[in-house]
Structures are given as structure tokens and as C-alpha cells.
Amino acid sequence: MGKGSRDDRISALPDDILVNILDRLNVPDAARTSILSRRWSQLSGKLSRLIINAQDFLPKGVSNANVSDDEMVRVNAAAVEAIKSIVTRRSPGEHTIRFLSTAFYLRDDVPISIGQAVGHTMETHSVEISQFSVMTGKVGTDELNDEELAICGREFMRFFDACQNAFGGLTSLDMEDLRFGESDISNVLITCKRLKHLRMMNCDSGDPSTLQIEHAHLSELSITGCSFEQVKLNWLPQLTQMTFDDWIDYQDPLVLGHVPLLETVSLTNVGYSFHKLVKLSEFLSSTSIRVLKLGFKSEKIWVQPECLTKSLASVFCQLRFVNLVALPEGYDLTWTMFILEAAPLLKELCMAVWDHACIMETDEKTRKEEFYSENRGVEWDSSIADFKHHNLVTLIIYCFESDDYMVSYLRRVMAAAINLEDVFLYSRLECDNCQDQKPIRFPWTKRQRISLKKRVTAGIESFAIIHACSTIRDAHLSKYLYPECSLDVSRKSLRNRQ
């Protein structure tokens, strides 16, 4: 404050800078600035990013995992008021809304009020990106029964029917815990003509059924924990990224039709003892992906290692990055070499080897009753003698331990990847949800690192630098995360317990 001045220095800034600052706040905080002065109240009507999340209105200490029905209704109502408060300050057509995101609970008639307010905004303003995130408040709780799923599904379709103009302008839609009727999903996709991103979590259509998807503009698709017997991507000419987790049937659960631009694929599932192994050459046939993530949830390897064939070479011919998440501990890793043999352009291989209690079924009785596999490994012998890979430059192993099977695998990769530059070895991040007291054999000391390097490089000519890291690099951190667990990533600390 200058002496004798009534204005603070922030208020003296130009409008465009102040709007840029407000755009970085959530809507409740941005709305509070309107009480500062008439000028500030006008600025809130110029925001280019409107992110209204009902969870921002939850009381302190209440999360999505323990929110009550009454609180859902209350915070939904607060979200409606926030939308109306912001929108009424805007002059129709004057300022483009770059990003409009609303997240709310599926309770009573409040979602319809939110949808109608969003629809009105789309009719009176230019909106580039718009998103609905429809929550049930059941994530992290016990699984919903059939009746609850059906009720949630009907409530969603009632909301959809009442807000056709809003859905017609959506570019992103997140849905969870819904049971749809036979033609419901098709009707939603037909109405959402601008849709680019679709996420479905724990959704189904009742009895084992087939989900068929066609859309002209959809570019990202995520299907997680959905009980469809089969998913058919019939015609998605703009699809570039796909996540398919927790399928229920191993007999052709995914059928890829016209997906010419698909380049990033994430597949995660639990392999049970009675499941047949999946051949990626068939699973991903007619594609040439660049990024592949495979998740195993610390259970049986569900991928069938394949000898190099024309179909496998076609699928992996453009592959650049592979990430293997939650591989079971103690099992031979040699089978992953088939990926290197089939992917000559592969540049980075990343893997995490961890029996992580948070994502495993640990009760022995349940494991037997539900046919979890006791032998979680898979065997494979290369048919290519003296195999060499010329493009792999980075190898990342999380949860590394100085056990023979890991050291042996590391030697094999370093011997084959003749241009390998860096090997990053990480121990484990702290997990907030489990009490894993298992000793970790990681080379923390300088002497241990020297010993490890001698074991790995004995008889091998390699210029690769082995990094036994005490902290995870920012570029590597996101590749480690697993959605079912709560990892301490703020400090990026690794567990140092011997």
C-alpha cells in the first residue's frame, strides 16, 4: 500500500493479468474475490476457466469416501449457486469460456438444475471445452448391489433427458456406478456429438452384454471395472488413447474395429488360475501402438509371451514406450524379452515388481474360493539366438531388490540392448494404506552399489550408467502410480528399511 493510496498493488494490475490469476483458483475462491470491490465483481465475469466441483464445498474432514446423502444434496446446491453467480455476471458472447467443468453428485433434482444452467451458458457463450463428472459418492465404499446400480442408472438417464442441450455441447463425460438400459449408452453418444473424452467406471447393462461404441470425434476412452461381457470399438476414427481395465471374460473381451489413430493403450486385469493367457498380437490386432501399459495387480501374469510372428511384429512395429505395472515378486522376468524382440523401435522399458497388499487379495481362504493362482509367473524361451536390440536407451525398475532373479534379468537386458544409456533402479514409495514390513534388499550404501554393479556387468560390455536412486525423478513419477493405492508422492520419498 502506498502512503495515502486507497488501492493495493494487486488491484492496480491490468484486468487481463488479474483474470489470469483468478483462472488459477477454483470457483468458490474466485467468487469470494467479488466482494472486494465493484471492479473485482466484474472480473469474475471474465473468467476463461470455470471449474465447479461439488467436492470443493464439502466440510473440512469430509471426503468423497465418507460423504452422506444430506451433504451431497447440500454441496450440489452450493455448486448450482456458484454456477448461477458466475454466469449472471457474464455479458452474453463477450468472453470465450475456454474450459467449463462441473462435477456433482447424482442426487435428487439438483443435477438437472446444474445441467440446465450449463446448457444456458453454452447457448449464450462460446464454450471451447466442457465437461461433466457425474459422481455417486460410492467410490471407495463397498460395491453397489444390482438395485442400487439400476437406481443410479435411471437417475442419470432422467438427468440426461432433461438436459439435452448441455449434453449436446459436452466434450468430456465421466460416469461411475451406473446400470444402463439396452440403448441408453448409444443414445448418450448420439446426443454428445462433440464428445472427445469418455470415462466409464463400474458401469454395465445388467446381464452379460456387449458394449458397442461408435463416435466420430471420440479421442480418449476409459473403461474401468465395467461388467460388460465384450467391448466392441466399431468405428472410432479419432481414437488415440484407450484404457481398458478389469474385464470379466477372457474369450475376446475386446474387439477393435476401425481405430486407425489408436497409439496409446493401457490394459489392467487380475489373472485367475482358470484364465487363459492373452496374446497381444490378437488382442491388439490391426493396430500399431506407440505406448503400452500393462497392469497385473501383483497377481498372475495374464500375457502370453509370443515368438516373433508377422502379426506380432505388425502390432509392435511402432512401439516406443512400455510400462509394466505391479508385476508379482519372485518370478522370472525373462518373458518380457519377447516385447523387445518384437519391438525394434522401443526406446524405454519401465516396470514395477511389487506384491502390494493394497491391490491384492491377501486372505488365503478367499484366494482359494475365488481361484487366485498360486503360481503367478510365466515361462518363455527365446527362439532368437544372440538377440540384440539397437534402440532401447532407458530401463526403469521400481521396487528393485538385489535378488538373483532381478540381477539376472538386468544382465540379460543390458547384454541385449547394445545402445542402452541409463538404468534407473528405485526402491519403494511409502504407501499410506498398507503396513508392509517386509525387509527390502536395495543397494542404499556406496559399497552395496559397487557390489551390485560388479554382479550386473561381469562379462558384459555395456556403457549404460546404473543409477540406484534415493528419490524418484519427476519424469518417472507418474509411471509408477497405481490408482488403487494411496502413495506418498508429495515427498517422492523411497522406503529405506533393511
Protein backbone atom coordinates (compact mmCIF):
# COMPACT_ATOMS: atom_id res chain seq x y z
CA MET A 1 0.00 0.00 0.00
CA GLY A 2 1.42 3.39 -0.94
CA LYS A 3 1.09 6.16 1.58
CA GLY A 4 -2.23 7.86 1.16
CA SER A 5 -3.31 5.37 -1.53
CA ARG A 6 -6.64 3.59 -1.25
CA ASP A 7 -5.72 0.86 -3.78
CA ASP A 8 -3.45 -2.12 -3.17
CA ARG A 9 -0.81 -3.08 -5.74
CA ILE A 10 -2.68 -6.19 -6.91
CA SER A 11 -5.78 -4.19 -7.76
CA ALA A 12 -3.58 -1.84 -9.78
CA LEU A 13 -2.70 -4.63 -12.20
CA PRO A 14 -4.37 -4.73 -15.64
CA ASP A 15 -7.58 -6.72 -15.98
CA ASP A 16 -6.06 -9.44 -18.16
CA ILE A 17 -3.42 -10.25 -15.54
CA LEU A 18 -5.96 -10.34 -12.73
CA VAL A 19 -8.25 -12.60 -14.75
CA ASN A 20 -5.28 -14.89 -15.38
CA ILE A 21 -4.73 -15.08 -11.62
CA LEU A 22 -8.39 -15.80 -10.91
CA ASP A 23 -8.42 -18.51 -13.59
CA ARG A 24 -5.97 -20.46 -11.43
CA LEU A 25 -8.40 -20.57 -8.49
CA ASN A 26 -11.38 -22.85 -8.03
CA VAL A 27 -14.76 -21.21 -8.42
CA PRO A 28 -15.53 -20.78 -4.67
CA ASP A 29 -12.28 -18.89 -4.12
CA ALA A 30 -12.68 -16.86 -7.30
CA ALA A 31 -16.26 -15.97 -6.35
CA ARG A 32 -15.12 -14.69 -2.94
CA THR A 33 -12.99 -12.01 -4.61
CA SER A 34 -16.17 -10.39 -5.96
CA ILE A 35 -16.88 -8.87 -2.54
CA LEU A 36 -13.65 -6.85 -2.59
CA SER A 37 -14.95 -4.14 -4.88
CA ARG A 38 -17.15 -3.45 -7.89
CA ARG A 39 -14.14 -3.96 -10.16
CA TRP A 40 -13.40 -7.40 -8.67
CA SER A 41 -17.04 -8.45 -9.04
CA GLN A 42 -16.82 -7.62 -12.76
CA LEU A 43 -13.58 -9.58 -13.16
CA SER A 44 -15.22 -12.83 -12.06
CA GLY A 45 -17.50 -12.49 -15.08
CA LYS A 46 -14.50 -12.58 -17.42
CA LEU A 47 -13.02 -15.88 -16.27
CA SER A 48 -12.00 -18.21 -19.09
CA ARG A 49 -11.80 -21.32 -16.86
CA LEU A 50 -14.84 -22.30 -14.80
CA ILE A 51 -14.22 -25.37 -12.63
CA ILE A 52 -17.17 -26.08 -10.35
CA ASN A 53 -16.70 -29.19 -8.23
CA ALA A 54 -19.25 -30.05 -5.55
CA GLN A 55 -16.44 -31.60 -3.50
CA ASP A 56 -14.93 -28.12 -3.04
CA PHE A 57 -17.95 -27.32 -0.86
CA LEU A 58 -17.60 -30.33 1.44
CA PRO A 59 -16.91 -29.58 5.13
CA LYS A 60 -13.35 -29.99 6.31
CA GLY A 61 -12.60 -33.63 7.09
CA VAL A 62 -15.31 -34.99 4.79
CA SER A 63 -14.17 -36.74 1.62
CA ASN A 64 -15.87 -38.48 -1.28
CA ALA A 65 -15.43 -41.77 0.60
CA ASN A 66 -17.48 -40.74 3.65
CA VAL A 67 -19.89 -38.09 2.37
CA SER A 68 -23.51 -38.53 3.46
CA ASP A 69 -26.59 -38.20 1.27
CA ASP A 70 -27.60 -34.96 3.00
CA GLU A 71 -24.14 -33.49 2.42
CA MET A 72 -24.29 -34.50 -1.25
CA VAL A 73 -27.55 -32.59 -1.68
CA ARG A 74 -26.20 -29.56 0.18
CA VAL A 75 -22.93 -29.28 -1.75
CA ASN A 76 -24.77 -29.88 -5.03
CA ALA A 77 -26.99 -26.91 -4.20
CA ALA A 78 -23.90 -24.83 -3.42
CA ALA A 79 -22.45 -25.79 -6.80
CA VAL A 80 -25.66 -24.65 -8.53
CA GLU A 81 -25.50 -21.28 -6.77
CA ALA A 82 -21.84 -20.91 -7.73
CA ILE A 83 -22.62 -21.57 -11.40
CA LYS A 84 -25.50 -19.10 -11.42
CA SER A 85 -23.49 -16.49 -9.54
CA ILE A 86 -20.63 -16.63 -12.02
CA VAL A 87 -22.75 -16.86 -15.16
CA THR A 88 -25.09 -13.96 -14.27
CA ARG A 89 -22.06 -11.65 -14.15
CA ARG A 90 -21.07 -12.51 -17.72
CA SER A 91 -22.16 -10.50 -20.72
CA PRO A 92 -23.55 -12.91 -23.35
CA GLY A 93 -21.00 -13.64 -26.06
CA GLU A 94 -18.42 -11.16 -24.74
CA HIS A 95 -15.74 -13.53 -23.35
CA THR A 96 -15.00 -17.05 -24.53
CA ILE A 97 -15.05 -19.78 -21.89
CA ARG A 98 -12.01 -21.92 -22.65
CA PHE A 99 -12.81 -24.63 -20.11
CA LEU A 100 -16.08 -25.35 -18.30
CA SER A 101 -16.00 -28.29 -15.89
CA THR A 102 -18.73 -29.32 -13.47
CA ALA A 103 -18.50 -32.25 -11.04
CA PHE A 104 -21.54 -33.11 -8.92
CA TYR A 105 -23.39 -35.89 -7.14
CA LEU A 106 -26.31 -37.76 -8.67
CA ARG A 107 -28.89 -36.84 -6.05
CA ASP A 108 -32.48 -35.57 -6.35
CA ASP A 109 -33.23 -32.87 -8.95
CA VAL A 110 -30.10 -30.79 -8.34
CA PRO A 111 -28.13 -32.32 -11.26
CA ILE A 112 -30.93 -31.17 -13.57
CA SER A 113 -30.53 -27.62 -12.24
CA ILE A 114 -26.78 -27.86 -12.88
CA GLY A 115 -27.33 -29.27 -16.36
CA GLN A 116 -29.84 -26.56 -17.28
CA ALA A 117 -27.50 -23.82 -16.02
CA VAL A 118 -24.64 -25.28 -18.05
CA GLY A 119 -26.90 -25.64 -21.08
CA HIS A 120 -27.93 -22.00 -20.80
CA THR A 121 -24.28 -20.99 -20.57
CA MET A 122 -23.49 -22.93 -23.74
CA GLU A 123 -26.37 -21.22 -25.56
CA THR A 124 -25.28 -17.69 -24.59
CA HIS A 125 -21.48 -18.03 -24.60
CA SER A 126 -18.77 -19.56 -26.72
CA VAL A 127 -17.51 -22.63 -24.80
CA GLU A 128 -14.49 -24.48 -26.18
CA ILE A 129 -14.13 -27.39 -23.73
CA SER A 130 -16.95 -28.59 -21.47
CA GLN A 131 -17.00 -31.47 -19.01
CA PHE A 132 -19.48 -33.30 -16.78
CA SER A 133 -18.21 -35.54 -13.98
CA VAL A 134 -21.19 -37.40 -12.53
CA MET A 135 -20.42 -38.89 -9.09
CA THR A 136 -22.42 -41.23 -6.90
CA GLY A 137 -20.37 -40.82 -3.72
CA LYS A 138 -19.81 -44.59 -3.61
CA VAL A 139 -16.19 -44.70 -4.78
CA GLY A 140 -14.01 -46.30 -2.12
CA THR A 141 -17.02 -47.87 -0.38
CA ASP A 142 -18.50 -51.35 -0.69
CA GLU A 143 -19.60 -52.35 -4.14
CA LEU A 144 -23.12 -51.30 -5.08
CA ASN A 145 -25.72 -54.04 -5.44
CA ASP A 146 -27.77 -54.53 -8.58
CA GLU A 147 -30.72 -52.49 -7.36
CA GLU A 148 -28.55 -49.51 -6.39
CA LEU A 149 -26.77 -49.59 -9.76
CA ALA A 150 -30.14 -49.66 -11.55
CA ILE A 151 -31.45 -46.72 -9.48
CA CYS A 152 -28.32 -44.68 -10.25
CA GLY A 153 -28.67 -45.55 -13.93
CA ARG A 154 -32.28 -44.39 -14.05
CA GLU A 155 -31.42 -41.15 -12.23
CA PHE A 156 -28.65 -40.45 -14.73
CA MET A 157 -30.93 -41.01 -17.72
CA ARG A 158 -33.57 -38.74 -16.15
CA PHE A 159 -30.88 -36.08 -15.85
CA PHE A 160 -29.77 -36.75 -19.43
CA ASP A 161 -33.30 -36.48 -20.84
CA ALA A 162 -33.86 -33.15 -19.08
CA CYS A 163 -30.56 -31.57 -20.21
CA GLN A 164 -30.18 -32.47 -23.87
CA ASN A 165 -28.75 -29.07 -24.82
CA ALA A 166 -25.98 -29.38 -22.21
CA PHE A 167 -25.04 -32.91 -23.30
CA GLY A 168 -25.05 -31.77 -26.92
CA GLY A 169 -22.20 -29.37 -26.13
CA LEU A 170 -20.09 -31.69 -23.96
CA THR A 171 -16.54 -32.55 -24.96
CA SER A 172 -15.81 -34.73 -21.90
CA LEU A 173 -18.01 -37.05 -19.80
CA ASP A 174 -17.09 -39.05 -16.68
CA MET A 175 -19.64 -41.57 -15.34
CA GLU A 176 -19.49 -44.05 -12.46
CA ASP A 177 -21.68 -46.69 -10.81
CA LEU A 178 -24.46 -46.77 -13.40
CA ARG A 179 -26.56 -49.57 -14.87
CA PHE A 180 -27.85 -48.60 -18.29
CA GLY A 181 -30.74 -49.83 -20.35
CA GLU A 182 -30.17 -51.55 -23.68
CA SER A 183 -29.95 -48.41 -25.83
CA ASP A 184 -29.03 -45.81 -23.20
CA ILE A 185 -25.30 -45.58 -23.92
CA SER A 186 -25.93 -45.40 -27.65
CA ASN A 187 -28.41 -42.54 -27.12
CA VAL A 188 -25.93 -40.65 -24.95
CA LEU A 189 -23.19 -40.97 -27.59
CA ILE A 190 -25.53 -39.87 -30.38
CA THR A 191 -26.54 -36.76 -28.42
CA CYS A 192 -22.98 -35.89 -27.33
CA LYS A 193 -21.83 -35.04 -30.84
CA ARG A 194 -18.79 -33.02 -29.69
CA LEU A 195 -17.57 -35.65 -27.22
CA LYS A 196 -13.80 -36.24 -27.21
CA HIS A 197 -13.22 -37.90 -23.81
CA LEU A 198 -15.37 -40.64 -22.25
CA ARG A 199 -14.70 -42.37 -18.95
CA MET A 200 -16.89 -45.15 -17.58
CA MET A 201 -16.19 -46.71 -14.19
CA ASN A 202 -18.19 -49.59 -12.68
CA CYS A 203 -20.94 -49.36 -15.29
CA ASP A 204 -22.88 -52.13 -17.01
CA SER A 205 -26.11 -53.03 -18.76
CA GLY A 206 -27.39 -55.73 -16.45
CA ASP A 207 -26.95 -59.30 -17.67
CA PRO A 208 -23.69 -60.01 -19.53
CA SER A 209 -23.95 -57.76 -22.54
CA THR A 210 -21.89 -56.23 -25.31
CA LEU A 211 -20.90 -52.56 -25.28
CA GLN A 212 -20.65 -51.23 -28.82
CA ILE A 213 -19.17 -47.79 -29.39
CA GLU A 214 -19.26 -45.62 -32.49
CA HIS A 215 -18.41 -41.93 -32.48
CA ALA A 216 -16.91 -39.52 -34.99
CA HIS A 217 -14.86 -37.38 -32.59
CA LEU A 218 -14.06 -39.51 -29.52
CA SER A 219 -10.28 -39.43 -28.97
CA GLU A 220 -9.87 -40.81 -25.41
CA LEU A 221 -11.81 -43.74 -23.94
CA SER A 222 -11.52 -45.25 -20.47
CA ILE A 223 -13.50 -48.34 -19.41
CA THR A 224 -12.67 -49.44 -15.87
CA GLY A 225 -14.34 -52.10 -13.73
CA CYS A 226 -17.30 -52.34 -16.09
CA SER A 227 -19.11 -55.68 -16.26
CA PHE A 228 -19.54 -55.94 -20.00
CA GLU A 229 -19.01 -59.37 -21.48
CA GLN A 230 -17.48 -57.78 -24.54
CA VAL A 231 -16.49 -54.30 -25.70
CA LYS A 232 -16.57 -53.57 -29.43
CA LEU A 233 -14.97 -50.38 -30.71
CA ASN A 234 -16.74 -50.49 -34.05
CA TRP A 235 -15.93 -47.08 -35.53
CA LEU A 236 -13.77 -44.54 -33.73
CA PRO A 237 -11.75 -42.76 -36.42
CA GLN A 238 -10.27 -40.19 -33.99
CA LEU A 239 -9.48 -42.51 -31.05
CA THR A 240 -5.86 -42.12 -29.92
CA GLN A 241 -5.91 -43.30 -26.28
CA MET A 242 -7.70 -46.22 -24.67
CA THR A 243 -7.78 -47.62 -21.12
CA PHE A 244 -9.43 -50.99 -20.59
CA ASP A 245 -9.25 -52.33 -17.03
CA ASP A 246 -10.86 -55.29 -15.26
CA TRP A 247 -12.66 -57.20 -17.99
CA ILE A 248 -14.77 -60.16 -16.94
CA ASP A 249 -14.44 -62.51 -19.92
CA TYR A 250 -11.22 -63.85 -21.39
CA GLN A 251 -12.91 -65.01 -24.60
CA ASP A 252 -12.37 -62.00 -26.87
CA PRO A 253 -13.32 -59.31 -24.29
CA LEU A 254 -12.15 -56.53 -26.62
CA VAL A 255 -12.80 -56.24 -30.34
CA LEU A 256 -11.07 -53.42 -32.18
CA GLY A 257 -12.80 -52.26 -35.32
CA HIS A 258 -11.91 -49.06 -37.16
CA VAL A 259 -9.40 -47.33 -34.83
CA PRO A 260 -6.71 -46.11 -37.27
CA LEU A 261 -5.19 -43.49 -34.93
CA LEU A 262 -5.01 -45.59 -31.75
CA GLU A 263 -1.48 -45.21 -30.33
CA THR A 264 -1.71 -45.33 -26.52
CA VAL A 265 -3.21 -48.39 -24.81
CA SER A 266 -3.48 -49.25 -21.10
CA LEU A 267 -4.66 -52.75 -20.11
CA THR A 268 -5.01 -53.93 -16.50
CA ASN A 269 -6.58 -57.08 -15.07
CA VAL A 270 -6.31 -59.80 -12.44
CA GLY A 271 -5.33 -63.16 -13.89
CA TYR A 272 -7.03 -66.09 -12.15
CA SER A 273 -5.89 -69.69 -12.32
CA PHE A 274 -8.63 -70.68 -14.79
CA HIS A 275 -7.97 -67.82 -17.21
CA LYS A 276 -6.20 -68.48 -20.46
CA LEU A 277 -3.30 -66.18 -21.31
CA VAL A 278 -3.91 -63.28 -23.66
CA LYS A 279 -1.97 -62.99 -26.90
CA LEU A 280 -1.33 -59.32 -27.52
CA SER A 281 -0.94 -59.97 -31.25
CA GLU A 282 -4.63 -60.95 -31.26
CA PHE A 283 -5.84 -58.59 -28.53
CA LEU A 284 -4.40 -55.56 -30.35
CA SER A 285 -4.66 -56.83 -33.90
CA SER A 286 -4.90 -54.25 -36.70
CA THR A 287 -3.19 -51.58 -34.57
CA SER A 288 0.35 -50.19 -34.42
CA ILE A 289 0.57 -48.66 -30.96
CA ARG A 290 3.36 -46.44 -29.66
CA VAL A 291 2.70 -46.52 -25.89
CA LEU A 292 1.65 -49.66 -23.99
CA LYS A 293 0.87 -50.05 -20.30
CA LEU A 294 0.10 -53.48 -18.84
CA GLY A 295 -1.10 -53.81 -15.23
CA PHE A 296 -1.16 -57.11 -13.29
CA LYS A 297 -2.25 -56.04 -9.77
CA SER A 298 0.53 -58.21 -8.26
CA GLU A 299 -1.24 -61.36 -9.46
CA LYS A 300 -0.75 -63.92 -12.22
CA ILE A 301 0.85 -62.76 -15.46
CA TRP A 302 -2.04 -62.80 -17.93
CA VAL A 303 0.02 -62.08 -21.05
CA GLN A 304 1.14 -64.96 -23.25
CA PRO A 305 4.76 -64.44 -24.36
CA GLU A 306 4.91 -64.93 -28.11
CA CYS A 307 7.62 -65.89 -30.55
CA LEU A 308 8.06 -63.29 -33.24
CA THR A 309 5.41 -63.60 -35.95
CA LYS A 310 4.24 -61.30 -38.71
CA SER A 311 1.11 -60.29 -36.75
CA LEU A 312 3.05 -59.56 -33.54
CA ALA A 313 5.67 -57.59 -35.49
CA SER A 314 2.85 -55.55 -37.07
CA VAL A 315 1.31 -54.67 -33.68
CA PHE A 316 4.65 -53.70 -32.10
CA CYS A 317 6.39 -52.14 -35.12
CA GLN A 318 5.82 -48.56 -33.84
CA LEU A 319 6.08 -49.30 -30.12
CA ARG A 320 8.24 -46.75 -28.28
CA PHE A 321 7.34 -46.96 -24.57
CA VAL A 322 6.25 -49.93 -22.41
CA ASN A 323 5.20 -49.74 -18.77
CA LEU A 324 4.58 -52.95 -16.79
CA VAL A 325 2.78 -52.19 -13.52
CA ALA A 326 2.54 -54.34 -10.35
CA LEU A 327 4.31 -57.47 -11.55
CA PRO A 328 4.33 -60.24 -8.91
CA GLU A 329 7.53 -60.60 -6.91
CA GLY A 330 9.91 -63.52 -7.09
CA TYR A 331 9.12 -64.74 -10.60
CA ASP A 332 11.36 -64.92 -13.64
CA LEU A 333 11.12 -61.71 -15.68
CA THR A 334 12.66 -63.18 -18.82
CA TRP A 335 9.25 -63.39 -20.51
CA THR A 336 9.27 -59.60 -21.01
CA MET A 337 12.12 -60.02 -23.50
CA PHE A 338 9.59 -61.07 -26.13
CA ILE A 339 8.43 -57.44 -26.19
CA LEU A 340 11.95 -56.26 -27.00
CA GLU A 341 12.31 -58.86 -29.74
CA ALA A 342 9.05 -57.78 -31.37
CA ALA A 343 9.53 -54.00 -30.90
CA PRO A 344 12.71 -52.89 -32.67
CA LEU A 345 11.97 -49.17 -32.11
CA LEU A 346 11.35 -49.47 -28.34
CA LYS A 347 13.12 -46.66 -26.50
CA GLU A 348 12.02 -47.08 -22.87
CA LEU A 349 11.01 -50.06 -20.75
CA CYS A 350 9.60 -49.40 -17.29
CA MET A 351 8.41 -51.95 -14.72
CA ALA A 352 7.36 -52.19 -11.09
CA VAL A 353 7.79 -55.53 -9.30
CA TRP A 354 5.82 -55.47 -6.07
CA ASP A 355 3.47 -57.70 -4.08
CA HIS A 356 1.49 -54.69 -2.96
CA ALA A 357 -1.02 -55.60 -0.26
CA CYS A 358 -3.33 -52.67 -1.13
CA ILE A 359 -4.24 -54.13 -4.50
CA MET A 360 -4.04 -57.83 -3.65
CA GLU A 361 -6.43 -60.32 -2.06
CA THR A 362 -4.43 -61.46 0.97
CA ASP A 363 -6.97 -63.72 2.69
CA GLU A 364 -5.93 -67.31 1.89
CA LYS A 365 -9.46 -68.72 2.16
CA THR A 366 -10.80 -66.14 -0.29
CA ARG A 367 -7.92 -66.76 -2.65
CA LYS A 368 -8.77 -70.45 -2.82
CA GLU A 369 -12.52 -69.89 -3.16
CA GLU A 370 -12.08 -67.37 -5.97
CA PHE A 371 -9.36 -69.34 -7.78
CA TYR A 372 -6.45 -66.96 -7.40
CA SER A 373 -3.33 -68.51 -8.86
CA GLU A 374 -0.60 -69.81 -6.56
CA ASN A 375 1.94 -69.77 -9.38
CA ARG A 376 1.80 -66.25 -10.76
CA GLY A 377 4.75 -66.44 -13.14
CA VAL A 378 5.06 -67.45 -16.78
CA GLU A 379 7.89 -69.18 -18.62
CA TRP A 380 9.37 -68.35 -22.00
CA ASP A 381 12.48 -69.21 -24.01
CA SER A 382 13.65 -67.01 -26.83
CA SER A 383 13.93 -68.55 -30.26
CA ILE A 384 16.37 -65.83 -31.35
CA ALA A 385 19.99 -66.67 -30.58
CA ASP A 386 22.28 -63.81 -29.51
CA PHE A 387 19.44 -61.26 -29.75
CA LYS A 388 20.47 -57.59 -29.93
CA HIS A 389 18.29 -54.50 -29.56
CA HIS A 390 19.55 -51.23 -31.04
CA ASN A 391 17.11 -48.54 -29.85
CA LEU A 392 16.37 -49.17 -26.16
CA VAL A 393 18.06 -46.33 -24.25
CA THR A 394 16.29 -46.33 -20.86
CA LEU A 395 15.37 -49.10 -18.42
CA ILE A 396 13.45 -48.23 -15.24
CA ILE A 397 12.78 -50.76 -12.48
CA TYR A 398 10.73 -49.80 -9.44
CA CYS A 399 10.81 -51.88 -6.27
CA PHE A 400 14.20 -53.24 -7.28
CA GLU A 401 15.89 -55.69 -4.94
CA SER A 402 19.31 -57.31 -5.22
CA ASP A 403 17.82 -60.78 -5.67
CA ASP A 404 19.27 -63.21 -8.19
CA TYR A 405 16.23 -63.22 -10.50
CA MET A 406 16.30 -59.42 -10.82
CA VAL A 407 20.06 -59.22 -11.25
CA SER A 408 19.93 -61.98 -13.85
CA TYR A 409 17.21 -60.15 -15.77
CA LEU A 410 19.10 -56.86 -15.60
CA ARG A 411 22.18 -58.58 -17.04
CA ARG A 412 20.12 -60.04 -19.87
CA VAL A 413 18.64 -56.69 -20.89
CA MET A 414 21.99 -54.91 -20.69
CA ALA A 415 23.63 -57.58 -22.81
CA ALA A 416 20.90 -57.38 -25.47
CA ALA A 417 20.35 -53.58 -25.54
CA ILE A 418 23.69 -52.55 -27.02
CA ASN A 419 22.84 -48.81 -27.03
CA LEU A 420 21.33 -48.70 -23.54
CA GLU A 421 22.26 -45.42 -21.84
CA ASP A 422 20.61 -45.35 -18.42
CA VAL A 423 19.30 -47.89 -15.93
CA PHE A 424 17.25 -46.36 -13.11
CA LEU A 425 16.72 -48.60 -10.07
CA TYR A 426 14.22 -47.45 -7.44
CA SER A 427 13.13 -48.88 -4.13
CA ARG A 428 9.51 -48.44 -2.96
CA LEU A 429 7.42 -45.38 -2.28
CA GLU A 430 5.73 -45.23 1.08
CA CYS A 431 2.12 -46.37 0.88
CA ASP A 432 -0.41 -44.78 3.23
CA ASN A 433 -2.83 -47.72 3.07
CA CYS A 434 -0.70 -50.74 3.90
CA GLN A 435 1.76 -51.75 6.57
CA ASP A 436 4.31 -53.66 4.54
CA GLN A 437 7.11 -54.57 6.92
CA LYS A 438 8.97 -56.85 4.55
CA PRO A 439 12.74 -56.17 4.55
CA ILE A 440 13.99 -54.59 1.34
CA ARG A 441 17.27 -55.60 -0.25
CA PHE A 442 18.07 -52.38 -2.07
CA PRO A 443 21.62 -51.08 -2.61
CA TRP A 444 21.43 -48.00 -0.40
CA THR A 445 25.11 -47.70 0.54
CA LYS A 446 28.03 -46.96 -1.75
CA ARG A 447 29.55 -50.38 -1.03
CA GLN A 448 26.28 -52.13 -1.92
CA ARG A 449 26.05 -50.21 -5.19
CA ILE A 450 29.59 -51.11 -6.17
CA SER A 451 28.87 -54.75 -5.40
CA LEU A 452 25.67 -54.66 -7.45
CA LYS A 453 27.42 -53.09 -10.43
CA LYS A 454 30.07 -55.82 -10.39
CA ARG A 455 27.39 -58.54 -10.30
CA VAL A 456 25.48 -56.98 -13.16
CA THR A 457 28.33 -56.07 -15.52
CA ALA A 458 30.61 -59.08 -15.05
CA GLY A 459 31.38 -60.38 -18.54
CA ILE A 460 29.09 -57.81 -20.23
CA GLU A 461 30.19 -54.94 -22.43
CA SER A 462 27.78 -52.10 -21.74
CA PHE A 463 28.15 -48.33 -21.50
CA ALA A 464 24.87 -47.93 -19.61
CA ILE A 465 25.01 -45.98 -16.36
CA ILE A 466 23.30 -47.68 -13.42
CA HIS A 467 21.50 -45.19 -11.16
CA ALA A 468 20.45 -46.57 -7.76
CA CYS A 469 18.20 -43.65 -6.86
CA SER A 470 17.15 -42.43 -3.43
CA THR A 471 14.43 -40.13 -4.84
CA ILE A 472 12.22 -40.58 -7.86
CA ARG A 473 12.73 -38.19 -10.72
CA ASP A 474 9.72 -36.10 -11.72
CA ALA A 475 9.77 -37.52 -15.26
CA HIS A 476 9.47 -41.07 -13.84
CA LEU A 477 7.00 -40.47 -11.01
CA SER A 478 3.74 -40.67 -12.96
CA LYS A 479 4.72 -44.03 -14.46
CA TYR A 480 4.80 -45.60 -11.02
CA LEU A 481 1.42 -44.53 -9.71
CA TYR A 482 -1.36 -47.05 -9.37
CA PRO A 483 -4.96 -45.82 -8.88
CA GLU A 484 -5.99 -48.32 -6.20
CA CYS A 485 -3.34 -47.24 -3.71
CA SER A 486 -2.51 -44.04 -1.89
CA LEU A 487 1.19 -43.39 -2.29
CA ASP A 488 3.14 -40.67 -0.56
CA VAL A 489 4.18 -38.82 -3.70
CA SER A 490 4.44 -35.31 -2.29
CA ARG A 491 7.87 -36.01 -0.84
CA LYS A 492 8.75 -38.57 -3.51
CA SER A 493 10.49 -40.47 -0.72
CA LEU A 494 11.60 -44.06 -1.03
CA ARG A 495 11.38 -46.56 1.76
CA ASN A 496 14.79 -47.18 3.30
CA ARG A 497 14.30 -50.18 5.53
CA GLN A 498 16.79 -53.04 5.51
